[in-house]
Full PDB file with SEQRES, HELIX, SHEET, SSBOND, CRYST1, ORIGX, SCALE, CONECT and MASTER records, all heavy atoms in Angstrom:
SEQRES   1 A   34  TYR GLU ARG GLY ALA GLN SER THR ALA PRO MET LEU LYS          
SEQRES   2 A   34  THR HIS ALA SER LEU TRP ASP ARG VAL ARG MET GLN ALA          
SEQRES   3 A   34  MET GLN ARG ALA GLY THR GLU VAL                              
HELIX    1 AA1 GLU A    2  ALA A    5  1                                   4    
HELIX    2 AA2 ALA A   16  ALA A   30  1                                  15    
CRYST1    1.000    1.000    1.000  90.00  90.00  90.00 P 1           1          
ORIGX1      1.000000  0.000000  0.000000        0.00000                         
ORIGX2      0.000000  1.000000  0.000000        0.00000                         
ORIGX3      0.000000  0.000000  1.000000        0.00000                         
SCALE1      1.000000  0.000000  0.000000        0.00000                         
SCALE2      0.000000  1.000000  0.000000        0.00000                         
SCALE3      0.000000  0.000000  1.000000        0.00000                         
ATOM      1  N   TYR A   1     -19.381 -30.189  15.667  1.00  0.00           N  
ATOM      2  CA  TYR A   1     -18.162 -29.384  15.514  1.00  0.00           C  
ATOM      3  C   TYR A   1     -17.482 -29.164  16.867  1.00  0.00           C  
ATOM      4  O   TYR A   1     -16.254 -29.246  16.980  1.00  0.00           O  
ATOM      5  CB  TYR A   1     -18.535 -28.057  14.865  1.00  0.00           C  
ATOM      6  CG  TYR A   1     -17.381 -27.138  14.553  1.00  0.00           C  
ATOM      7  CD1 TYR A   1     -16.143 -27.626  14.146  1.00  0.00           C  
ATOM      8  CD2 TYR A   1     -17.546 -25.759  14.619  1.00  0.00           C  
ATOM      9  CE1 TYR A   1     -15.102 -26.760  13.831  1.00  0.00           C  
ATOM     10  CE2 TYR A   1     -16.517 -24.894  14.309  1.00  0.00           C  
ATOM     11  CZ  TYR A   1     -15.291 -25.391  13.914  1.00  0.00           C  
ATOM     12  OH  TYR A   1     -14.268 -24.545  13.613  1.00  0.00           O  
ATOM     13  N   GLU A   2     -18.272 -28.904  17.892  1.00  0.00           N  
ATOM     14  CA  GLU A   2     -17.718 -28.731  19.239  1.00  0.00           C  
ATOM     15  C   GLU A   2     -17.012 -30.001  19.695  1.00  0.00           C  
ATOM     16  O   GLU A   2     -15.917 -29.955  20.270  1.00  0.00           O  
ATOM     17  CB  GLU A   2     -18.827 -28.371  20.225  1.00  0.00           C  
ATOM     18  CG  GLU A   2     -18.309 -28.127  21.639  1.00  0.00           C  
ATOM     19  CD  GLU A   2     -19.440 -28.012  22.654  1.00  0.00           C  
ATOM     20  OE1 GLU A   2     -20.344 -28.886  22.639  1.00  0.00           O  
ATOM     21  OE2 GLU A   2     -19.418 -27.074  23.470  1.00  0.00           O  
ATOM     22  N   ARG A   3     -17.623 -31.160  19.435  1.00  0.00           N  
ATOM     23  CA  ARG A   3     -16.979 -32.427  19.791  1.00  0.00           C  
ATOM     24  C   ARG A   3     -15.672 -32.601  19.020  1.00  0.00           C  
ATOM     25  O   ARG A   3     -14.657 -33.036  19.568  1.00  0.00           O  
ATOM     26  CB  ARG A   3     -17.889 -33.614  19.460  1.00  0.00           C  
ATOM     27  CG  ARG A   3     -19.294 -33.601  20.037  1.00  0.00           C  
ATOM     28  CD  ARG A   3     -19.308 -33.736  21.530  1.00  0.00           C  
ATOM     29  NE  ARG A   3     -19.378 -32.423  22.170  1.00  0.00           N  
ATOM     30  CZ  ARG A   3     -19.382 -32.211  23.463  1.00  0.00           C  
ATOM     31  NH1 ARG A   3     -19.302 -33.233  24.295  1.00  0.00           N  
ATOM     32  NH2 ARG A   3     -19.442 -30.988  23.956  1.00  0.00           N  
ATOM     33  N   GLY A   4     -15.692 -32.248  17.742  1.00  0.00           N  
ATOM     34  CA  GLY A   4     -14.518 -32.423  16.906  1.00  0.00           C  
ATOM     35  C   GLY A   4     -13.366 -31.509  17.275  1.00  0.00           C  
ATOM     36  O   GLY A   4     -12.194 -31.874  17.119  1.00  0.00           O  
ATOM     37  N   ALA A   5     -13.675 -30.321  17.763  1.00  0.00           N  
ATOM     38  CA  ALA A   5     -12.637 -29.336  18.096  1.00  0.00           C  
ATOM     39  C   ALA A   5     -11.726 -29.816  19.217  1.00  0.00           C  
ATOM     40  O   ALA A   5     -10.609 -29.312  19.372  1.00  0.00           O  
ATOM     41  CB  ALA A   5     -13.280 -28.007  18.474  1.00  0.00           C  
ATOM     42  N   GLN A   6     -12.181 -30.794  19.968  1.00  0.00           N  
ATOM     43  CA  GLN A   6     -11.380 -31.278  21.095  1.00  0.00           C  
ATOM     44  C   GLN A   6     -10.109 -31.984  20.648  1.00  0.00           C  
ATOM     45  O   GLN A   6      -9.198 -32.182  21.452  1.00  0.00           O  
ATOM     46  CB  GLN A   6     -12.246 -32.202  21.964  1.00  0.00           C  
ATOM     47  CG  GLN A   6     -13.419 -31.491  22.608  1.00  0.00           C  
ATOM     48  CD  GLN A   6     -14.387 -32.433  23.302  1.00  0.00           C  
ATOM     49  OE1 GLN A   6     -14.123 -33.624  23.432  1.00  0.00           O  
ATOM     50  NE2 GLN A   6     -15.510 -31.922  23.762  1.00  0.00           N  
ATOM     51  N   SER A   7     -10.021 -32.349  19.377  1.00  0.00           N  
ATOM     52  CA  SER A   7      -8.799 -32.999  18.890  1.00  0.00           C  
ATOM     53  C   SER A   7      -8.224 -32.296  17.664  1.00  0.00           C  
ATOM     54  O   SER A   7      -7.420 -32.872  16.943  1.00  0.00           O  
ATOM     55  CB  SER A   7      -9.081 -34.470  18.549  1.00  0.00           C  
ATOM     56  OG  SER A   7     -10.082 -34.573  17.551  1.00  0.00           O  
ATOM     57  N   THR A   8      -8.610 -31.038  17.445  1.00  0.00           N  
ATOM     58  CA  THR A   8      -8.088 -30.294  16.297  1.00  0.00           C  
ATOM     59  C   THR A   8      -6.587 -30.079  16.413  1.00  0.00           C  
ATOM     60  O   THR A   8      -5.837 -30.221  15.453  1.00  0.00           O  
ATOM     61  CB  THR A   8      -8.807 -28.941  16.164  1.00  0.00           C  
ATOM     62  OG1 THR A   8     -10.191 -29.179  15.907  1.00  0.00           O  
ATOM     63  CG2 THR A   8      -8.219 -28.113  15.031  1.00  0.00           C  
ATOM     64  N   ALA A   9      -6.140 -29.684  17.598  1.00  0.00           N  
ATOM     65  CA  ALA A   9      -4.716 -29.489  17.866  1.00  0.00           C  
ATOM     66  C   ALA A   9      -4.305 -30.522  18.913  1.00  0.00           C  
ATOM     67  O   ALA A   9      -4.429 -30.279  20.119  1.00  0.00           O  
ATOM     68  CB  ALA A   9      -4.444 -28.069  18.362  1.00  0.00           C  
ATOM     69  N   PRO A  10      -3.846 -31.699  18.495  1.00  0.00           N  
ATOM     70  CA  PRO A  10      -3.661 -32.812  19.430  1.00  0.00           C  
ATOM     71  C   PRO A  10      -2.620 -32.583  20.517  1.00  0.00           C  
ATOM     72  O   PRO A  10      -2.643 -33.265  21.533  1.00  0.00           O  
ATOM     73  CB  PRO A  10      -3.253 -33.971  18.506  1.00  0.00           C  
ATOM     74  CG  PRO A  10      -2.702 -33.320  17.294  1.00  0.00           C  
ATOM     75  CD  PRO A  10      -3.505 -32.066  17.120  1.00  0.00           C  
ATOM     76  N   MET A  11      -1.715 -31.626  20.313  1.00  0.00           N  
ATOM     77  CA  MET A  11      -0.673 -31.387  21.311  1.00  0.00           C  
ATOM     78  C   MET A  11      -1.196 -30.594  22.507  1.00  0.00           C  
ATOM     79  O   MET A  11      -0.547 -30.520  23.547  1.00  0.00           O  
ATOM     80  CB  MET A  11       0.500 -30.642  20.675  1.00  0.00           C  
ATOM     81  CG  MET A  11       1.269 -31.476  19.643  1.00  0.00           C  
ATOM     82  SD  MET A  11       2.197 -32.816  20.379  1.00  0.00           S  
ATOM     83  CE  MET A  11       3.543 -31.885  21.139  1.00  0.00           C  
ATOM     84  N   LEU A  12      -2.371 -29.988  22.357  1.00  0.00           N  
ATOM     85  CA  LEU A  12      -2.949 -29.229  23.464  1.00  0.00           C  
ATOM     86  C   LEU A  12      -3.563 -30.178  24.480  1.00  0.00           C  
ATOM     87  O   LEU A  12      -4.450 -30.960  24.153  1.00  0.00           O  
ATOM     88  CB  LEU A  12      -4.026 -28.270  22.963  1.00  0.00           C  
ATOM     89  CG  LEU A  12      -3.555 -27.070  22.131  1.00  0.00           C  
ATOM     90  CD1 LEU A  12      -4.759 -26.285  21.650  1.00  0.00           C  
ATOM     91  CD2 LEU A  12      -2.633 -26.174  22.936  1.00  0.00           C  
ATOM     92  N   LYS A  13      -3.120 -30.094  25.725  1.00  0.00           N  
ATOM     93  CA  LYS A  13      -3.690 -30.943  26.766  1.00  0.00           C  
ATOM     94  C   LYS A  13      -5.112 -30.496  27.089  1.00  0.00           C  
ATOM     95  O   LYS A  13      -5.994 -31.304  27.360  1.00  0.00           O  
ATOM     96  CB  LYS A  13      -2.806 -30.893  28.014  1.00  0.00           C  
ATOM     97  CG  LYS A  13      -1.440 -31.541  27.818  1.00  0.00           C  
ATOM     98  CD  LYS A  13      -0.617 -31.504  29.086  1.00  0.00           C  
ATOM     99  CE  LYS A  13       0.730 -32.171  28.879  1.00  0.00           C  
ATOM    100  NZ  LYS A  13       1.579 -32.117  30.104  1.00  0.00           N  
ATOM    101  N   THR A  14      -5.340 -29.199  27.090  1.00  0.00           N  
ATOM    102  CA  THR A  14      -6.676 -28.647  27.286  1.00  0.00           C  
ATOM    103  C   THR A  14      -6.925 -27.660  26.166  1.00  0.00           C  
ATOM    104  O   THR A  14      -6.283 -26.611  26.106  1.00  0.00           O  
ATOM    105  CB  THR A  14      -6.801 -27.926  28.643  1.00  0.00           C  
ATOM    106  OG1 THR A  14      -6.443 -28.839  29.686  1.00  0.00           O  
ATOM    107  CG2 THR A  14      -8.225 -27.444  28.856  1.00  0.00           C  
ATOM    108  N   HIS A  15      -7.842 -28.015  25.249  1.00  0.00           N  
ATOM    109  CA  HIS A  15      -8.051 -27.176  24.077  1.00  0.00           C  
ATOM    110  C   HIS A  15      -8.481 -25.766  24.475  1.00  0.00           C  
ATOM    111  O   HIS A  15      -8.119 -24.791  23.804  1.00  0.00           O  
ATOM    112  CB  HIS A  15      -9.099 -27.815  23.162  1.00  0.00           C  
ATOM    113  CG  HIS A  15      -9.092 -27.252  21.780  1.00  0.00           C  
ATOM    114  ND1 HIS A  15      -8.061 -27.474  20.892  1.00  0.00           N  
ATOM    115  CD2 HIS A  15      -9.969 -26.450  21.138  1.00  0.00           C  
ATOM    116  CE1 HIS A  15      -8.317 -26.853  19.752  1.00  0.00           C  
ATOM    117  NE2 HIS A  15      -9.468 -26.226  19.870  1.00  0.00           N  
ATOM    118  N   ALA A  16      -9.226 -25.648  25.574  1.00  0.00           N  
ATOM    119  CA  ALA A  16      -9.706 -24.331  25.983  1.00  0.00           C  
ATOM    120  C   ALA A  16      -8.568 -23.373  26.307  1.00  0.00           C  
ATOM    121  O   ALA A  16      -8.750 -22.152  26.255  1.00  0.00           O  
ATOM    122  CB  ALA A  16     -10.633 -24.475  27.186  1.00  0.00           C  
ATOM    123  N   SER A  17      -7.388 -23.908  26.655  1.00  0.00           N  
ATOM    124  CA  SER A  17      -6.282 -23.034  27.018  1.00  0.00           C  
ATOM    125  C   SER A  17      -5.886 -22.126  25.865  1.00  0.00           C  
ATOM    126  O   SER A  17      -5.366 -21.028  26.075  1.00  0.00           O  
ATOM    127  CB  SER A  17      -5.079 -23.868  27.468  1.00  0.00           C  
ATOM    128  OG  SER A  17      -4.566 -24.641  26.397  1.00  0.00           O  
ATOM    129  N   LEU A  18      -6.110 -22.574  24.632  1.00  0.00           N  
ATOM    130  CA  LEU A  18      -5.800 -21.755  23.466  1.00  0.00           C  
ATOM    131  C   LEU A  18      -6.586 -20.454  23.509  1.00  0.00           C  
ATOM    132  O   LEU A  18      -6.041 -19.364  23.306  1.00  0.00           O  
ATOM    133  CB  LEU A  18      -6.127 -22.535  22.194  1.00  0.00           C  
ATOM    134  CG  LEU A  18      -5.972 -21.783  20.883  1.00  0.00           C  
ATOM    135  CD1 LEU A  18      -4.504 -21.632  20.523  1.00  0.00           C  
ATOM    136  CD2 LEU A  18      -6.707 -22.504  19.759  1.00  0.00           C  
ATOM    137  N   TRP A  19      -7.883 -20.563  23.768  1.00  0.00           N  
ATOM    138  CA  TRP A  19      -8.734 -19.373  23.797  1.00  0.00           C  
ATOM    139  C   TRP A  19      -8.344 -18.460  24.958  1.00  0.00           C  
ATOM    140  O   TRP A  19      -8.390 -17.236  24.828  1.00  0.00           O  
ATOM    141  CB  TRP A  19     -10.199 -19.784  23.921  1.00  0.00           C  
ATOM    142  CG  TRP A  19     -10.582 -20.949  23.079  1.00  0.00           C  
ATOM    143  CD1 TRP A  19     -11.039 -22.155  23.508  1.00  0.00           C  
ATOM    144  CD2 TRP A  19     -10.532 -21.057  21.642  1.00  0.00           C  
ATOM    145  NE1 TRP A  19     -11.285 -22.991  22.460  1.00  0.00           N  
ATOM    146  CE2 TRP A  19     -10.984 -22.348  21.294  1.00  0.00           C  
ATOM    147  CE3 TRP A  19     -10.148 -20.178  20.632  1.00  0.00           C  
ATOM    148  CZ2 TRP A  19     -11.067 -22.782  19.988  1.00  0.00           C  
ATOM    149  CZ3 TRP A  19     -10.218 -20.611  19.313  1.00  0.00           C  
ATOM    150  CH2 TRP A  19     -10.679 -21.896  19.004  1.00  0.00           C  
ATOM    151  N   ASP A  20      -7.983 -19.040  26.087  1.00  0.00           N  
ATOM    152  CA  ASP A  20      -7.561 -18.232  27.236  1.00  0.00           C  
ATOM    153  C   ASP A  20      -6.311 -17.423  26.897  1.00  0.00           C  
ATOM    154  O   ASP A  20      -6.186 -16.261  27.282  1.00  0.00           O  
ATOM    155  CB  ASP A  20      -7.285 -19.123  28.444  1.00  0.00           C  
ATOM    156  CG  ASP A  20      -8.551 -19.736  29.021  1.00  0.00           C  
ATOM    157  OD1 ASP A  20      -9.606 -19.085  28.932  1.00  0.00           O  
ATOM    158  OD2 ASP A  20      -8.493 -20.860  29.543  1.00  0.00           O  
ATOM    159  N   ARG A  21      -5.390 -18.031  26.164  1.00  0.00           N  
ATOM    160  CA  ARG A  21      -4.159 -17.334  25.795  1.00  0.00           C  
ATOM    161  C   ARG A  21      -4.443 -16.184  24.832  1.00  0.00           C  
ATOM    162  O   ARG A  21      -3.804 -15.129  24.906  1.00  0.00           O  
ATOM    163  CB  ARG A  21      -3.159 -18.318  25.190  1.00  0.00           C  
ATOM    164  CG  ARG A  21      -2.534 -19.253  26.224  1.00  0.00           C  
ATOM    165  CD  ARG A  21      -1.643 -20.298  25.569  1.00  0.00           C  
ATOM    166  NE  ARG A  21      -1.097 -21.211  26.573  1.00  0.00           N  
ATOM    167  CZ  ARG A  21       0.193 -21.301  26.889  1.00  0.00           C  
ATOM    168  NH1 ARG A  21       1.100 -20.543  26.276  1.00  0.00           N  
ATOM    169  NH2 ARG A  21       0.599 -22.147  27.812  1.00  0.00           N  
ATOM    170  N   VAL A  22      -5.386 -16.381  23.921  1.00  0.00           N  
ATOM    171  CA  VAL A  22      -5.763 -15.293  23.016  1.00  0.00           C  
ATOM    172  C   VAL A  22      -6.365 -14.137  23.801  1.00  0.00           C  
ATOM    173  O   VAL A  22      -6.029 -12.969  23.589  1.00  0.00           O  
ATOM    174  CB  VAL A  22      -6.745 -15.791  21.943  1.00  0.00           C  
ATOM    175  CG1 VAL A  22      -7.234 -14.631  21.088  1.00  0.00           C  
ATOM    176  CG2 VAL A  22      -6.094 -16.851  21.061  1.00  0.00           C  
ATOM    177  N   ARG A  23      -7.272 -14.468  24.713  1.00  0.00           N  
ATOM    178  CA  ARG A  23      -7.891 -13.415  25.532  1.00  0.00           C  
ATOM    179  C   ARG A  23      -6.834 -12.637  26.312  1.00  0.00           C  
ATOM    180  O   ARG A  23      -6.864 -11.403  26.366  1.00  0.00           O  
ATOM    181  CB  ARG A  23      -8.897 -14.020  26.505  1.00  0.00           C  
ATOM    182  CG  ARG A  23      -9.536 -12.989  27.456  1.00  0.00           C  
ATOM    183  CD  ARG A  23     -10.278 -13.658  28.599  1.00  0.00           C  
ATOM    184  NE  ARG A  23      -9.396 -14.470  29.418  1.00  0.00           N  
ATOM    185  CZ  ARG A  23      -8.633 -13.991  30.406  1.00  0.00           C  
ATOM    186  NH1 ARG A  23      -8.624 -12.688  30.681  1.00  0.00           N  
ATOM    187  NH2 ARG A  23      -7.874 -14.796  31.115  1.00  0.00           N  
ATOM    188  N   MET A  24      -5.897 -13.351  26.920  1.00  0.00           N  
ATOM    189  CA  MET A  24      -4.860 -12.687  27.696  1.00  0.00           C  
ATOM    190  C   MET A  24      -4.028 -11.749  26.823  1.00  0.00           C  
ATOM    191  O   MET A  24      -3.739 -10.609  27.218  1.00  0.00           O  
ATOM    192  CB  MET A  24      -3.961 -13.729  28.363  1.00  0.00           C  
ATOM    193  CG  MET A  24      -4.629 -14.496  29.496  1.00  0.00           C  
ATOM    194  SD  MET A  24      -3.601 -15.868  30.116  1.00  0.00           S  
ATOM    195  CE  MET A  24      -2.158 -14.965  30.674  1.00  0.00           C  
ATOM    196  N   GLN A  25      -3.660 -12.210  25.636  1.00  0.00           N  
ATOM    197  CA  GLN A  25      -2.902 -11.354  24.721  1.00  0.00           C  
ATOM    198  C   GLN A  25      -3.692 -10.104  24.357  1.00  0.00           C  
ATOM    199  O   GLN A  25      -3.162  -8.991  24.338  1.00  0.00           O  
ATOM    200  CB  GLN A  25      -2.555 -12.141  23.449  1.00  0.00           C  
ATOM    201  CG  GLN A  25      -1.496 -13.198  23.633  1.00  0.00           C  
ATOM    202  CD  GLN A  25      -0.087 -12.637  23.453  1.00  0.00           C  
ATOM    203  OE1 GLN A  25       0.106 -11.472  23.129  1.00  0.00           O  
ATOM    204  NE2 GLN A  25       0.901 -13.484  23.671  1.00  0.00           N  
ATOM    205  N   ALA A  26      -4.971 -10.305  24.051  1.00  0.00           N  
ATOM    206  CA  ALA A  26      -5.806  -9.172  23.644  1.00  0.00           C  
ATOM    207  C   ALA A  26      -5.979  -8.161  24.778  1.00  0.00           C  
ATOM    208  O   ALA A  26      -5.818  -6.950  24.570  1.00  0.00           O  
ATOM    209  CB  ALA A  26      -7.166  -9.675  23.175  1.00  0.00           C  
ATOM    210  N   MET A  27      -6.295  -8.653  25.962  1.00  0.00           N  
ATOM    211  CA  MET A  27      -6.532  -7.748  27.089  1.00  0.00           C  
ATOM    212  C   MET A  27      -5.251  -7.011  27.489  1.00  0.00           C  
ATOM    213  O   MET A  27      -5.280  -5.822  27.829  1.00  0.00           O  
ATOM    214  CB  MET A  27      -7.102  -8.529  28.275  1.00  0.00           C  
ATOM    215  CG  MET A  27      -8.456  -9.164  28.011  1.00  0.00           C  
ATOM    216  SD  MET A  27      -9.781  -7.973  27.706  1.00  0.00           S  
ATOM    217  CE  MET A  27     -10.003  -7.319  29.360  1.00  0.00           C  
ATOM    218  N   GLN A  28      -4.125  -7.716  27.467  1.00  0.00           N  
ATOM    219  CA  GLN A  28      -2.859  -7.087  27.835  1.00  0.00           C  
ATOM    220  C   GLN A  28      -2.434  -6.035  26.826  1.00  0.00           C  
ATOM    221  O   GLN A  28      -1.865  -5.003  27.186  1.00  0.00           O  
ATOM    222  CB  GLN A  28      -1.770  -8.154  27.982  1.00  0.00           C  
ATOM    223  CG  GLN A  28      -1.934  -9.052  29.197  1.00  0.00           C  
ATOM    224  CD  GLN A  28      -0.985 -10.242  29.181  1.00  0.00           C  
ATOM    225  OE1 GLN A  28      -0.146 -10.381  28.292  1.00  0.00           O  
ATOM    226  NE2 GLN A  28      -1.130 -11.121  30.166  1.00  0.00           N  
ATOM    227  N   ARG A  29      -2.707  -6.295  25.550  1.00  0.00           N  
ATOM    228  CA  ARG A  29      -2.280  -5.375  24.510  1.00  0.00           C  
ATOM    229  C   ARG A  29      -3.258  -4.219  24.296  1.00  0.00           C  
ATOM    230  O   ARG A  29      -2.906  -3.233  23.639  1.00  0.00           O  
ATOM    231  CB  ARG A  29      -2.104  -6.131  23.187  1.00  0.00           C  
ATOM    232  CG  ARG A  29      -0.907  -7.085  23.173  1.00  0.00           C  
ATOM    233  CD  ARG A  29      -0.905  -7.917  21.909  1.00  0.00           C  
ATOM    234  NE  ARG A  29       0.231  -8.827  21.846  1.00  0.00           N  
ATOM    235  CZ  ARG A  29       1.401  -8.532  21.314  1.00  0.00           C  
ATOM    236  NH1 ARG A  29       1.601  -7.323  20.784  1.00  0.00           N  
ATOM    237  NH2 ARG A  29       2.387  -9.407  21.302  1.00  0.00           N  
ATOM    238  N   ALA A  30      -4.469  -4.333  24.817  1.00  0.00           N  
ATOM    239  CA  ALA A  30      -5.466  -3.286  24.588  1.00  0.00           C  
ATOM    240  C   ALA A  30      -4.982  -1.936  25.094  1.00  0.00           C  
ATOM    241  O   ALA A  30      -5.223  -0.894  24.470  1.00  0.00           O  
ATOM    242  CB  ALA A  30      -6.785  -3.670  25.241  1.00  0.00           C  
ATOM    243  N   GLY A  31      -4.303  -1.934  26.242  1.00  0.00           N  
ATOM    244  CA  GLY A  31      -3.707  -0.696  26.738  1.00  0.00           C  
ATOM    245  C   GLY A  31      -4.701   0.327  27.237  1.00  0.00           C  
ATOM    246  O   GLY A  31      -4.359   1.494  27.421  1.00  0.00           O  
ATOM    247  N   THR A  32      -5.933  -0.085  27.463  1.00  0.00           N  
ATOM    248  CA  THR A  32      -6.957   0.832  27.957  1.00  0.00           C  
ATOM    249  C   THR A  32      -8.033   0.008  28.648  1.00  0.00           C  
ATOM    250  O   THR A  32      -8.015  -1.224  28.612  1.00  0.00           O  
ATOM    251  CB  THR A  32      -7.569   1.634  26.792  1.00  0.00           C  
ATOM    252  OG1 THR A  32      -8.488   2.601  27.314  1.00  0.00           O  
ATOM    253  CG2 THR A  32      -8.321   0.711  25.836  1.00  0.00           C  
ATOM    254  N   GLU A  33      -8.954   0.681  29.301  1.00  0.00           N  
ATOM    255  CA  GLU A  33     -10.081  -0.023  29.905  1.00  0.00           C  
ATOM    256  C   GLU A  33     -10.969  -0.582  28.796  1.00  0.00           C  
ATOM    257  O   GLU A  33     -11.455   0.160  27.935  1.00  0.00           O  
ATOM    258  CB  GLU A  33     -10.891   0.909  30.796  1.00  0.00           C  
ATOM    259  CG  GLU A  33     -12.058   0.209  31.491  1.00  0.00           C  
ATOM    260  CD  GLU A  33     -12.899   1.157  32.329  1.00  0.00           C  
ATOM    261  OE1 GLU A  33     -12.607   2.372  32.331  1.00  0.00           O  
ATOM    262  OE2 GLU A  33     -13.853   0.672  32.965  1.00  0.00           O  
ATOM    263  N   VAL A  34     -11.145  -1.873  28.799  1.00  0.00           N  
ATOM    264  CA  VAL A  34     -11.917  -2.526  27.741  1.00  0.00           C  
ATOM    265  C   VAL A  34     -13.385  -2.592  28.155  1.00  0.00           C  
ATOM    266  O   VAL A  34     -13.726  -3.150  29.195  1.00  0.00           O  
ATOM    267  CB  VAL A  34     -11.382  -3.942  27.462  1.00  0.00           C  
ATOM    268  CG1 VAL A  34     -12.246  -4.651  26.426  1.00  0.00           C  
ATOM    269  CG2 VAL A  34      -9.933  -3.866  26.988  1.00  0.00           C  
TER     270      VAL A  34                                                      
MASTER        0    0    0    2    0    0    0    6  269    1    0    3          
END                                                                             
């Protein structure tokens, strides 16, 4: 599954960037010390 996830969203140059963007959204929106 990990191998397969590398081409799930073919337009992503680096699949890991998706997860980084989610983390950034979550941390920015938390509005408190997490």
